[in-house]
Amino acid sequence: MQIPAHLLQDRYWKPVLYLFQKHPKLSQCFHEDYFDLKDERIKAQTLKADSRFWSNGEKIMLGLALHLYNERYKFNLSDMDSLDPINLEMALQAIKLRFLR
């Protein structure tokens, strides 16, 4: 999927793109069924519905990605307590991408 250059620098898109490129489960979903990069939209409801059978950790990573993109997608930071060290590091990096400039 071709990512427009300006989205790679956007503070809301950068952590989402990072997680969807790095996380094994999320990377399987990085395609047109869930993303409309031309119109700069994520089909979040479809993603959430299709993730119903994912593991708890995978759902946490999806929830974090969506929250970093738009705060209307609520996320409980305490859920990160259950992440393994690799996913926790990935989550913290995504948070840094969103909030540090």
N, C-alpha and C. Protein backbone atom coordinates (compact mmCIF):
# COMPACT_ATOMS: atom_id res chain seq x y z
N MET A 1 0.86 -1.17 0.00
CA MET A 1 0.00 0.00 0.00
C MET A 1 0.90 1.24 0.00
N GLN A 2 0.64 2.14 -0.90
CA GLN A 2 1.43 3.37 -1.03
C GLN A 2 0.97 4.38 0.02
N ILE A 3 1.89 4.81 0.88
CA ILE A 3 1.58 5.76 1.94
C ILE A 3 2.00 7.16 1.49
N PRO A 4 1.07 8.10 1.46
CA PRO A 4 1.45 9.48 1.11
C PRO A 4 2.49 10.02 2.10
N ALA A 5 3.48 10.70 1.58
CA ALA A 5 4.60 11.18 2.40
C ALA A 5 4.14 12.06 3.56
N HIS A 6 3.14 12.88 3.34
CA HIS A 6 2.72 13.78 4.42
C HIS A 6 2.11 13.02 5.60
N LEU A 7 1.54 11.83 5.37
CA LEU A 7 0.99 11.06 6.47
C LEU A 7 2.08 10.49 7.37
N LEU A 8 3.24 10.24 6.79
CA LEU A 8 4.37 9.73 7.58
C LEU A 8 4.88 10.76 8.57
N GLN A 9 4.55 12.02 8.37
CA GLN A 9 4.97 13.09 9.27
C GLN A 9 3.83 13.60 10.16
N ASP A 10 2.62 13.16 9.89
CA ASP A 10 1.45 13.61 10.64
C ASP A 10 1.44 12.98 12.03
N ARG A 11 1.26 13.80 13.07
CA ARG A 11 1.35 13.30 14.44
C ARG A 11 0.27 12.29 14.78
N TYR A 12 -0.83 12.29 14.08
CA TYR A 12 -1.91 11.33 14.33
C TYR A 12 -1.74 10.05 13.51
N TRP A 13 -1.22 10.19 12.32
CA TRP A 13 -1.03 9.04 11.45
C TRP A 13 0.27 8.29 11.74
N LYS A 14 1.31 9.00 12.13
CA LYS A 14 2.62 8.37 12.31
C LYS A 14 2.59 7.17 13.25
N PRO A 15 1.98 7.26 14.45
CA PRO A 15 1.96 6.09 15.33
C PRO A 15 1.10 4.95 14.79
N VAL A 16 0.02 5.27 14.09
CA VAL A 16 -0.83 4.25 13.49
C VAL A 16 -0.05 3.49 12.42
N LEU A 17 0.59 4.23 11.54
CA LEU A 17 1.36 3.60 10.48
C LEU A 17 2.49 2.76 11.06
N TYR A 18 3.14 3.26 12.10
CA TYR A 18 4.20 2.50 12.77
C TYR A 18 3.66 1.17 13.28
N LEU A 19 2.57 1.21 14.05
CA LEU A 19 2.02 -0.02 14.62
C LEU A 19 1.52 -0.98 13.55
N PHE A 20 0.87 -0.46 12.52
CA PHE A 20 0.34 -1.33 11.48
C PHE A 20 1.42 -1.86 10.54
N GLN A 21 2.61 -1.32 10.61
CA GLN A 21 3.72 -1.86 9.83
C GLN A 21 4.56 -2.82 10.66
N LYS A 22 4.64 -2.59 11.97
CA LYS A 22 5.54 -3.37 12.84
C LYS A 22 4.87 -4.54 13.54
N HIS A 23 3.62 -4.38 13.95
CA HIS A 23 2.95 -5.43 14.73
C HIS A 23 2.49 -6.56 13.80
N PRO A 24 2.82 -7.82 14.14
CA PRO A 24 2.49 -8.93 13.23
C PRO A 24 1.00 -9.03 12.87
N LYS A 25 0.11 -8.91 13.83
CA LYS A 25 -1.32 -9.04 13.54
C LYS A 25 -1.85 -7.80 12.82
N LEU A 26 -1.47 -6.63 13.32
CA LEU A 26 -1.95 -5.40 12.70
C LEU A 26 -1.46 -5.28 11.25
N SER A 27 -0.25 -5.73 11.00
CA SER A 27 0.30 -5.61 9.63
C SER A 27 -0.52 -6.43 8.63
N GLN A 28 -1.17 -7.50 9.10
CA GLN A 28 -2.04 -8.29 8.22
C GLN A 28 -3.28 -7.51 7.80
N CYS A 29 -3.60 -6.46 8.54
CA CYS A 29 -4.80 -5.66 8.28
C CYS A 29 -4.49 -4.34 7.59
N PHE A 30 -3.25 -4.14 7.21
CA PHE A 30 -2.88 -2.88 6.60
C PHE A 30 -3.12 -2.96 5.09
N HIS A 31 -4.39 -2.83 4.73
CA HIS A 31 -4.78 -2.86 3.32
C HIS A 31 -6.08 -2.07 3.12
N GLU A 32 -6.53 -2.03 1.90
CA GLU A 32 -7.65 -1.17 1.51
C GLU A 32 -8.97 -1.51 2.20
N ASP A 33 -9.11 -2.72 2.72
CA ASP A 33 -10.35 -3.07 3.42
C ASP A 33 -10.54 -2.21 4.67
N TYR A 34 -9.43 -1.75 5.24
CA TYR A 34 -9.49 -1.00 6.49
C TYR A 34 -8.95 0.43 6.40
N PHE A 35 -8.20 0.72 5.37
CA PHE A 35 -7.58 2.03 5.24
C PHE A 35 -7.90 2.65 3.89
N ASP A 36 -8.27 3.92 3.93
CA ASP A 36 -8.43 4.71 2.71
C ASP A 36 -7.45 5.87 2.85
N LEU A 37 -6.23 5.64 2.41
CA LEU A 37 -5.18 6.65 2.60
C LEU A 37 -5.41 7.87 1.72
N LYS A 38 -6.08 7.70 0.60
CA LYS A 38 -6.36 8.85 -0.26
C LYS A 38 -7.27 9.85 0.47
N ASP A 39 -8.32 9.33 1.12
CA ASP A 39 -9.24 10.19 1.87
C ASP A 39 -8.84 10.32 3.34
N GLU A 40 -7.71 9.71 3.70
CA GLU A 40 -7.16 9.78 5.06
C GLU A 40 -8.17 9.29 6.09
N ARG A 41 -8.67 8.07 5.87
CA ARG A 41 -9.67 7.47 6.76
C ARG A 41 -9.25 6.07 7.17
N ILE A 42 -9.56 5.74 8.40
CA ILE A 42 -9.42 4.38 8.90
C ILE A 42 -10.83 3.86 9.12
N LYS A 43 -11.09 2.68 8.65
CA LYS A 43 -12.41 2.05 8.85
C LYS A 43 -12.39 1.33 10.20
N ALA A 44 -12.43 2.14 11.25
CA ALA A 44 -12.23 1.65 12.61
C ALA A 44 -13.30 0.67 13.06
N GLN A 45 -14.54 0.95 12.74
CA GLN A 45 -15.62 0.05 13.18
C GLN A 45 -15.48 -1.32 12.54
N THR A 46 -15.08 -1.35 11.30
CA THR A 46 -14.86 -2.63 10.62
C THR A 46 -13.68 -3.36 11.24
N LEU A 47 -12.61 -2.63 11.51
CA LEU A 47 -11.45 -3.23 12.18
C LEU A 47 -11.82 -3.80 13.53
N LYS A 48 -12.55 -3.03 14.32
CA LYS A 48 -12.94 -3.49 15.65
C LYS A 48 -13.84 -4.72 15.57
N ALA A 49 -14.76 -4.72 14.64
CA ALA A 49 -15.65 -5.87 14.49
C ALA A 49 -14.87 -7.11 14.05
N ASP A 50 -13.94 -6.94 13.13
CA ASP A 50 -13.17 -8.07 12.62
C ASP A 50 -12.12 -8.57 13.62
N SER A 51 -11.85 -7.81 14.65
CA SER A 51 -10.85 -8.22 15.65
C SER A 51 -11.47 -8.96 16.82
N ARG A 52 -12.74 -9.26 16.77
CA ARG A 52 -13.43 -9.84 17.93
C ARG A 52 -12.83 -11.17 18.38
N PHE A 53 -12.18 -11.91 17.50
CA PHE A 53 -11.59 -13.19 17.88
C PHE A 53 -10.08 -13.11 18.10
N TRP A 54 -9.53 -11.91 18.06
CA TRP A 54 -8.10 -11.74 18.30
C TRP A 54 -7.78 -11.98 19.77
N SER A 55 -6.50 -12.12 20.05
CA SER A 55 -6.05 -12.24 21.44
C SER A 55 -6.23 -10.90 22.14
N ASN A 56 -6.20 -10.94 23.46
CA ASN A 56 -6.33 -9.72 24.25
C ASN A 56 -5.22 -8.71 23.90
N GLY A 57 -4.00 -9.20 23.78
CA GLY A 57 -2.88 -8.32 23.45
C GLY A 57 -3.03 -7.66 22.09
N GLU A 58 -3.52 -8.41 21.12
CA GLU A 58 -3.73 -7.86 19.78
C GLU A 58 -4.82 -6.79 19.81
N LYS A 59 -5.87 -7.03 20.58
CA LYS A 59 -6.94 -6.03 20.71
C LYS A 59 -6.43 -4.78 21.41
N ILE A 60 -5.55 -4.94 22.39
CA ILE A 60 -4.97 -3.78 23.08
C ILE A 60 -4.17 -2.94 22.09
N MET A 61 -3.37 -3.58 21.27
CA MET A 61 -2.56 -2.84 20.30
C MET A 61 -3.45 -2.12 19.28
N LEU A 62 -4.51 -2.76 18.85
CA LEU A 62 -5.45 -2.10 17.94
C LEU A 62 -6.10 -0.92 18.63
N GLY A 63 -6.55 -1.11 19.87
CA GLY A 63 -7.18 -0.03 20.62
C GLY A 63 -6.25 1.16 20.80
N LEU A 64 -4.99 0.88 21.08
CA LEU A 64 -4.01 1.95 21.23
C LEU A 64 -3.82 2.69 19.91
N ALA A 65 -3.68 1.95 18.84
CA ALA A 65 -3.49 2.58 17.52
C ALA A 65 -4.65 3.50 17.19
N LEU A 66 -5.86 3.03 17.41
CA LEU A 66 -7.03 3.85 17.10
C LEU A 66 -7.11 5.07 18.01
N HIS A 67 -6.76 4.91 19.27
CA HIS A 67 -6.79 6.04 20.20
C HIS A 67 -5.75 7.09 19.84
N LEU A 68 -4.56 6.65 19.44
CA LEU A 68 -3.52 7.61 19.06
C LEU A 68 -3.91 8.36 17.79
N TYR A 69 -4.71 7.73 16.97
CA TYR A 69 -5.21 8.38 15.76
C TYR A 69 -6.30 9.40 16.08
N ASN A 70 -7.21 9.01 17.00
CA ASN A 70 -8.33 9.88 17.34
C ASN A 70 -8.81 9.52 18.74
N GLU A 71 -8.79 10.48 19.65
CA GLU A 71 -9.12 10.20 21.05
C GLU A 71 -10.56 9.79 21.28
N ARG A 72 -11.42 9.89 20.28
CA ARG A 72 -12.79 9.42 20.48
C ARG A 72 -12.83 7.90 20.65
N TYR A 73 -11.78 7.23 20.20
CA TYR A 73 -11.64 5.80 20.45
C TYR A 73 -10.95 5.64 21.79
N LYS A 74 -11.74 5.39 22.80
CA LYS A 74 -11.24 5.35 24.18
C LYS A 74 -10.27 4.19 24.37
N PHE A 75 -9.29 4.43 25.25
CA PHE A 75 -8.26 3.43 25.54
C PHE A 75 -7.86 3.56 27.00
N ASN A 76 -7.75 2.44 27.68
CA ASN A 76 -7.34 2.41 29.08
C ASN A 76 -5.85 2.05 29.14
N LEU A 77 -5.02 2.98 29.55
CA LEU A 77 -3.58 2.74 29.61
C LEU A 77 -3.22 1.55 30.50
N SER A 78 -4.02 1.28 31.51
CA SER A 78 -3.74 0.15 32.40
C SER A 78 -3.81 -1.18 31.67
N ASP A 79 -4.49 -1.23 30.55
CA ASP A 79 -4.53 -2.47 29.76
C ASP A 79 -3.14 -2.86 29.28
N MET A 80 -2.24 -1.89 29.19
CA MET A 80 -0.90 -2.17 28.73
C MET A 80 -0.12 -3.03 29.72
N ASP A 81 -0.60 -3.15 30.96
CA ASP A 81 0.05 -4.02 31.95
C ASP A 81 0.13 -5.46 31.48
N SER A 82 -0.79 -5.88 30.65
CA SER A 82 -0.83 -7.28 30.23
C SER A 82 -0.02 -7.56 28.96
N LEU A 83 0.59 -6.53 28.39
CA LEU A 83 1.38 -6.73 27.17
C LEU A 83 2.72 -7.39 27.49
N ASP A 84 3.19 -8.23 26.58
CA ASP A 84 4.52 -8.80 26.73
C ASP A 84 5.55 -7.71 26.44
N PRO A 85 6.82 -7.93 26.79
CA PRO A 85 7.83 -6.87 26.63
C PRO A 85 7.97 -6.33 25.21
N ILE A 86 7.83 -7.18 24.22
CA ILE A 86 7.98 -6.72 22.82
C ILE A 86 6.83 -5.79 22.45
N ASN A 87 5.60 -6.19 22.77
CA ASN A 87 4.45 -5.34 22.46
C ASN A 87 4.44 -4.07 23.31
N LEU A 88 4.88 -4.17 24.55
CA LEU A 88 4.95 -2.98 25.40
C LEU A 88 5.93 -1.97 24.82
N GLU A 89 7.07 -2.42 24.38
CA GLU A 89 8.06 -1.51 23.77
C GLU A 89 7.49 -0.87 22.51
N MET A 90 6.80 -1.66 21.70
CA MET A 90 6.18 -1.14 20.49
C MET A 90 5.11 -0.09 20.83
N ALA A 91 4.31 -0.37 21.85
CA ALA A 91 3.27 0.56 22.28
C ALA A 91 3.87 1.87 22.78
N LEU A 92 4.94 1.76 23.57
CA LEU A 92 5.58 2.97 24.09
C LEU A 92 6.21 3.79 22.96
N GLN A 93 6.77 3.12 21.97
CA GLN A 93 7.34 3.84 20.82
C GLN A 93 6.24 4.57 20.06
N ALA A 94 5.09 3.94 19.90
CA ALA A 94 3.96 4.59 19.21
C ALA A 94 3.50 5.82 19.99
N ILE A 95 3.45 5.70 21.31
CA ILE A 95 3.06 6.85 22.14
C ILE A 95 4.06 7.98 21.98
N LYS A 96 5.34 7.65 21.93
CA LYS A 96 6.37 8.68 21.72
C LYS A 96 6.19 9.36 20.37
N LEU A 97 5.91 8.57 19.35
CA LEU A 97 5.71 9.15 18.02
C LEU A 97 4.55 10.14 18.01
N ARG A 98 3.54 9.85 18.80
CA ARG A 98 2.35 10.70 18.83
C ARG A 98 2.58 12.00 19.61
N PHE A 99 3.30 11.88 20.74
CA PHE A 99 3.34 13.02 21.66
C PHE A 99 4.67 13.76 21.71
N LEU A 100 5.75 13.14 21.26
CA LEU A 100 7.03 13.84 21.27
C LEU A 100 7.32 14.37 19.86
N ARG A 101 7.87 15.55 19.81
CA ARG A 101 8.18 16.13 18.49
C ARG A 101 9.64 16.34 18.32
